[in-house]
Every structure is written in structure tokens, then in C-alpha cells.
Amino acid sequence: MTTADLIEALRADIASDLKAQILAELEPEIKRRLYSNIFDIEEAAKYLKVSVQTLRRMVHGAEIPYFRQRGRIYFRQMDLDKHIENRIIRKDDRQ
């Protein structure tokens, strides 16, 4: 192994450790922000680009994750994003 190879390996190792450290520091803030986005039914309908009636049918049919608080329906953005991700049709899935 040459000196240049050793230096490059050290740089890669330091960069990898630095990325892991930054991610570990940012992860709690990222999760906090994801959980802080709570939508009512009108906001969720706009976010999903469907009508409120369609979203109510999806709730009634248990097609979409939601929760109730004081009789009102709410959605977490993170759950809506997961729902969208699960519905994406990829090229590999079409066959």
C-alpha cells in the first residue's frame, strides 16, 4: 500500500465517521419535525390531492392510517408519506 492509498483510505474513513456523527446528531430533530406535522381532514385531503369525501371513504374503509382526538380525524404526515410510498407502482412491479 502506498502513502497515497493510505491517505485516501483515511480520508474515506474520516468522511464516513463524520457522516454517521452528523446523522446521529440530526436524527432526533428530523423525527421531531416529522411527528409535528399533524393534518386535519381538509389539510390531509389537500396534501394527498383528493377530495374530502374521498378521504373520508378511505378512512371508513381503513385504507389510510389516521387517529381520532375529541371526535375529529387527524393524520400524521409521516403516515401519509408511508401510505403514498406503499402505493407507488414501480416498473419491476408491473410484470
N, C-alpha and C. Protein backbone atom coordinates (compact mmCIF):
# COMPACT_ATOMS: atom_id res chain seq x y z
N MET A 1 0.85 -1.17 0.00
CA MET A 1 0.00 0.00 0.00
C MET A 1 0.90 1.24 0.00
N THR A 2 0.58 2.14 -0.90
CA THR A 2 1.38 3.35 -0.99
C THR A 2 0.85 4.39 0.00
N THR A 3 1.64 5.43 0.17
CA THR A 3 1.24 6.51 1.08
C THR A 3 -0.03 7.18 0.59
N ALA A 4 -0.15 7.35 -0.71
CA ALA A 4 -1.34 7.98 -1.28
C ALA A 4 -2.58 7.14 -1.02
N ASP A 5 -2.44 5.80 -1.14
CA ASP A 5 -3.56 4.91 -0.86
C ASP A 5 -3.96 4.99 0.62
N LEU A 6 -2.98 5.05 1.50
CA LEU A 6 -3.24 5.15 2.93
C LEU A 6 -3.96 6.46 3.26
N ILE A 7 -3.51 7.54 2.67
CA ILE A 7 -4.14 8.85 2.91
C ILE A 7 -5.58 8.83 2.39
N GLU A 8 -5.80 8.26 1.22
CA GLU A 8 -7.15 8.18 0.67
C GLU A 8 -8.06 7.32 1.53
N ALA A 9 -7.53 6.21 2.05
CA ALA A 9 -8.31 5.34 2.93
C ALA A 9 -8.67 6.07 4.22
N LEU A 10 -7.74 6.83 4.76
CA LEU A 10 -8.00 7.61 5.98
C LEU A 10 -9.06 8.68 5.73
N ARG A 11 -8.97 9.35 4.58
CA ARG A 11 -9.97 10.37 4.24
C ARG A 11 -11.37 9.75 4.14
N ALA A 12 -11.46 8.61 3.49
CA ALA A 12 -12.74 7.93 3.33
C ALA A 12 -13.30 7.51 4.69
N ASP A 13 -12.42 7.02 5.55
CA ASP A 13 -12.84 6.59 6.89
C ASP A 13 -13.32 7.78 7.72
N ILE A 14 -12.61 8.87 7.66
CA ILE A 14 -12.99 10.08 8.39
C ILE A 14 -14.31 10.63 7.86
N ALA A 15 -14.47 10.64 6.55
CA ALA A 15 -15.71 11.13 5.95
C ALA A 15 -16.89 10.27 6.37
N SER A 16 -16.71 8.96 6.38
CA SER A 16 -17.77 8.05 6.79
C SER A 16 -18.15 8.26 8.25
N ASP A 17 -17.16 8.39 9.11
CA ASP A 17 -17.42 8.64 10.53
C ASP A 17 -18.10 9.98 10.74
N LEU A 18 -17.68 10.98 9.99
CA LEU A 18 -18.28 12.31 10.11
C LEU A 18 -19.75 12.29 9.68
N LYS A 19 -20.06 11.59 8.57
CA LYS A 19 -21.45 11.47 8.12
C LYS A 19 -22.30 10.79 9.18
N ALA A 20 -21.78 9.71 9.76
CA ALA A 20 -22.52 8.98 10.79
C ALA A 20 -22.76 9.86 12.02
N GLN A 21 -21.77 10.63 12.39
CA GLN A 21 -21.89 11.50 13.56
C GLN A 21 -22.91 12.62 13.31
N ILE A 22 -22.87 13.22 12.14
CA ILE A 22 -23.82 14.28 11.80
C ILE A 22 -25.24 13.73 11.76
N LEU A 23 -25.40 12.56 11.14
CA LEU A 23 -26.72 11.94 11.07
C LEU A 23 -27.25 11.62 12.46
N ALA A 24 -26.40 11.11 13.33
CA ALA A 24 -26.82 10.80 14.70
C ALA A 24 -27.26 12.06 15.44
N GLU A 25 -26.60 13.17 15.19
CA GLU A 25 -26.98 14.43 15.84
C GLU A 25 -28.27 14.99 15.27
N LEU A 26 -28.50 14.82 13.97
CA LEU A 26 -29.69 15.39 13.33
C LEU A 26 -30.93 14.51 13.44
N GLU A 27 -30.76 13.23 13.64
CA GLU A 27 -31.88 12.30 13.64
C GLU A 27 -33.00 12.67 14.63
N PRO A 28 -32.70 13.03 15.87
CA PRO A 28 -33.80 13.42 16.78
C PRO A 28 -34.59 14.63 16.28
N GLU A 29 -33.92 15.59 15.71
CA GLU A 29 -34.61 16.77 15.17
C GLU A 29 -35.45 16.41 13.95
N ILE A 30 -34.94 15.55 13.12
CA ILE A 30 -35.69 15.10 11.95
C ILE A 30 -36.96 14.39 12.39
N LYS A 31 -36.84 13.48 13.34
CA LYS A 31 -38.01 12.76 13.84
C LYS A 31 -39.01 13.70 14.50
N ARG A 32 -38.52 14.67 15.25
CA ARG A 32 -39.40 15.62 15.92
C ARG A 32 -40.22 16.40 14.89
N ARG A 33 -39.56 16.81 13.83
CA ARG A 33 -40.26 17.57 12.79
C ARG A 33 -41.24 16.71 12.02
N LEU A 34 -40.88 15.45 11.78
CA LEU A 34 -41.80 14.55 11.09
C LEU A 34 -43.06 14.32 11.91
N TYR A 35 -42.89 14.12 13.20
CA TYR A 35 -44.04 13.86 14.06
C TYR A 35 -44.85 15.12 14.33
N SER A 36 -44.29 16.28 14.11
CA SER A 36 -45.01 17.51 14.42
C SER A 36 -46.01 17.90 13.34
N ASN A 37 -45.92 17.30 12.18
CA ASN A 37 -46.84 17.63 11.09
C ASN A 37 -48.10 16.79 11.20
N ILE A 38 -49.11 17.37 11.84
CA ILE A 38 -50.39 16.72 12.01
C ILE A 38 -51.41 17.47 11.16
N PHE A 39 -52.15 16.75 10.33
CA PHE A 39 -53.13 17.36 9.43
C PHE A 39 -54.54 17.01 9.87
N ASP A 40 -55.47 17.97 9.74
CA ASP A 40 -56.88 17.62 9.88
C ASP A 40 -57.33 17.07 8.53
N ILE A 41 -58.59 16.72 8.42
CA ILE A 41 -59.03 16.02 7.20
C ILE A 41 -58.93 16.91 5.97
N GLU A 42 -59.20 18.20 6.12
CA GLU A 42 -59.10 19.09 4.95
C GLU A 42 -57.66 19.25 4.50
N GLU A 43 -56.75 19.42 5.46
CA GLU A 43 -55.32 19.57 5.12
C GLU A 43 -54.78 18.29 4.50
N ALA A 44 -55.18 17.15 5.04
CA ALA A 44 -54.71 15.86 4.51
C ALA A 44 -55.24 15.65 3.10
N ALA A 45 -56.48 16.03 2.85
CA ALA A 45 -57.04 15.89 1.51
C ALA A 45 -56.25 16.74 0.51
N LYS A 46 -55.91 17.95 0.89
CA LYS A 46 -55.10 18.80 0.02
C LYS A 46 -53.72 18.18 -0.20
N TYR A 47 -53.13 17.66 0.87
CA TYR A 47 -51.79 17.06 0.78
C TYR A 47 -51.80 15.86 -0.17
N LEU A 48 -52.86 15.05 -0.08
CA LEU A 48 -52.97 13.86 -0.93
C LEU A 48 -53.57 14.16 -2.30
N LYS A 49 -54.08 15.38 -2.46
CA LYS A 49 -54.71 15.80 -3.71
C LYS A 49 -55.94 14.94 -4.04
N VAL A 50 -56.77 14.74 -3.01
CA VAL A 50 -58.05 14.05 -3.18
C VAL A 50 -59.12 14.91 -2.51
N SER A 51 -60.37 14.61 -2.79
CA SER A 51 -61.45 15.36 -2.14
C SER A 51 -61.61 14.90 -0.70
N VAL A 52 -62.25 15.73 0.10
CA VAL A 52 -62.51 15.37 1.49
C VAL A 52 -63.41 14.13 1.54
N GLN A 53 -64.39 14.05 0.64
CA GLN A 53 -65.26 12.88 0.59
C GLN A 53 -64.48 11.61 0.30
N THR A 54 -63.55 11.67 -0.65
CA THR A 54 -62.72 10.51 -0.97
C THR A 54 -61.89 10.10 0.24
N LEU A 55 -61.32 11.08 0.92
CA LEU A 55 -60.52 10.77 2.10
C LEU A 55 -61.38 10.16 3.20
N ARG A 56 -62.59 10.64 3.38
CA ARG A 56 -63.50 10.05 4.37
C ARG A 56 -63.81 8.59 4.02
N ARG A 57 -64.00 8.30 2.72
CA ARG A 57 -64.23 6.91 2.30
C ARG A 57 -63.00 6.05 2.59
N MET A 58 -61.81 6.62 2.37
CA MET A 58 -60.58 5.88 2.65
C MET A 58 -60.46 5.59 4.15
N VAL A 59 -60.85 6.54 4.98
CA VAL A 59 -60.82 6.34 6.43
C VAL A 59 -61.82 5.25 6.81
N HIS A 60 -63.04 5.36 6.28
CA HIS A 60 -64.09 4.40 6.60
C HIS A 60 -63.69 2.99 6.17
N GLY A 61 -63.00 2.87 5.05
CA GLY A 61 -62.55 1.58 4.55
C GLY A 61 -61.22 1.13 5.12
N ALA A 62 -60.69 1.87 6.08
CA ALA A 62 -59.40 1.56 6.73
C ALA A 62 -58.27 1.44 5.70
N GLU A 63 -58.32 2.26 4.67
CA GLU A 63 -57.28 2.26 3.65
C GLU A 63 -56.10 3.13 4.02
N ILE A 64 -56.28 4.01 4.98
CA ILE A 64 -55.27 5.01 5.29
C ILE A 64 -55.16 5.16 6.81
N PRO A 65 -53.94 5.33 7.33
CA PRO A 65 -53.79 5.47 8.78
C PRO A 65 -54.27 6.85 9.27
N TYR A 66 -54.96 6.84 10.40
CA TYR A 66 -55.46 8.08 11.00
C TYR A 66 -55.62 7.87 12.49
N PHE A 67 -55.92 8.93 13.20
CA PHE A 67 -56.29 8.81 14.60
C PHE A 67 -57.37 9.83 14.91
N ARG A 68 -58.10 9.55 15.97
CA ARG A 68 -59.18 10.45 16.39
C ARG A 68 -58.80 11.11 17.70
N GLN A 69 -59.17 12.36 17.80
CA GLN A 69 -58.99 13.10 19.04
C GLN A 69 -60.20 13.99 19.20
N ARG A 70 -60.91 13.80 20.30
CA ARG A 70 -62.14 14.54 20.57
C ARG A 70 -63.12 14.47 19.40
N GLY A 71 -63.22 13.30 18.81
CA GLY A 71 -64.17 13.07 17.74
C GLY A 71 -63.74 13.54 16.36
N ARG A 72 -62.61 14.19 16.27
CA ARG A 72 -62.13 14.67 14.97
C ARG A 72 -61.05 13.73 14.44
N ILE A 73 -60.93 13.68 13.13
CA ILE A 73 -59.97 12.79 12.47
C ILE A 73 -58.71 13.58 12.14
N TYR A 74 -57.55 12.98 12.45
CA TYR A 74 -56.26 13.61 12.17
C TYR A 74 -55.33 12.59 11.52
N PHE A 75 -54.34 13.12 10.82
CA PHE A 75 -53.36 12.29 10.11
C PHE A 75 -51.96 12.83 10.39
N ARG A 76 -51.02 11.92 10.55
CA ARG A 76 -49.62 12.32 10.65
C ARG A 76 -49.02 12.32 9.25
N GLN A 77 -48.26 13.33 8.93
CA GLN A 77 -47.64 13.42 7.61
C GLN A 77 -46.78 12.19 7.33
N MET A 78 -46.07 11.74 8.33
CA MET A 78 -45.20 10.58 8.16
C MET A 78 -46.01 9.36 7.72
N ASP A 79 -47.19 9.16 8.31
CA ASP A 79 -48.04 8.03 7.93
C ASP A 79 -48.58 8.19 6.51
N LEU A 80 -48.95 9.42 6.16
CA LEU A 80 -49.43 9.66 4.80
C LEU A 80 -48.32 9.40 3.78
N ASP A 81 -47.09 9.81 4.11
CA ASP A 81 -45.96 9.57 3.21
C ASP A 81 -45.71 8.07 3.04
N LYS A 82 -45.82 7.31 4.12
CA LYS A 82 -45.65 5.85 4.03
C LYS A 82 -46.75 5.25 3.17
N HIS A 83 -47.97 5.74 3.34
CA HIS A 83 -49.10 5.25 2.54
C HIS A 83 -48.83 5.50 1.06
N ILE A 84 -48.36 6.69 0.73
CA ILE A 84 -48.04 7.02 -0.66
C ILE A 84 -46.93 6.10 -1.18
N GLU A 85 -45.90 5.92 -0.37
CA GLU A 85 -44.77 5.07 -0.78
C GLU A 85 -45.23 3.64 -1.07
N ASN A 86 -46.16 3.13 -0.27
CA ASN A 86 -46.66 1.76 -0.48
C ASN A 86 -47.52 1.64 -1.73
N ARG A 87 -48.06 2.73 -2.20
CA ARG A 87 -48.95 2.71 -3.37
C ARG A 87 -48.21 2.98 -4.68
N ILE A 88 -46.96 3.34 -4.61
CA ILE A 88 -46.19 3.64 -5.83
C ILE A 88 -45.98 2.35 -6.61
N ILE A 89 -46.30 2.41 -7.89
CA ILE A 89 -46.11 1.26 -8.77
C ILE A 89 -44.79 1.46 -9.50
N ARG A 90 -43.91 0.54 -9.26
CA ARG A 90 -42.60 0.61 -9.89
C ARG A 90 -42.56 -0.25 -11.14
N LYS A 91 -41.63 0.02 -11.99
CA LYS A 91 -41.50 -0.70 -13.26
C LYS A 91 -41.38 -2.20 -13.01
N ASP A 92 -40.62 -2.60 -12.00
CA ASP A 92 -40.41 -4.01 -11.70
C ASP A 92 -41.70 -4.68 -11.24
N ASP A 93 -42.62 -3.93 -10.60
CA ASP A 93 -43.84 -4.49 -10.03
C ASP A 93 -44.92 -4.75 -11.08
N ARG A 94 -44.80 -4.14 -12.24
CA ARG A 94 -45.85 -4.23 -13.25
C ARG A 94 -45.95 -5.59 -13.90
N GLN A 95 -44.94 -6.38 -13.79
CA GLN A 95 -44.94 -7.67 -14.50
C GLN A 95 -45.55 -8.76 -13.70
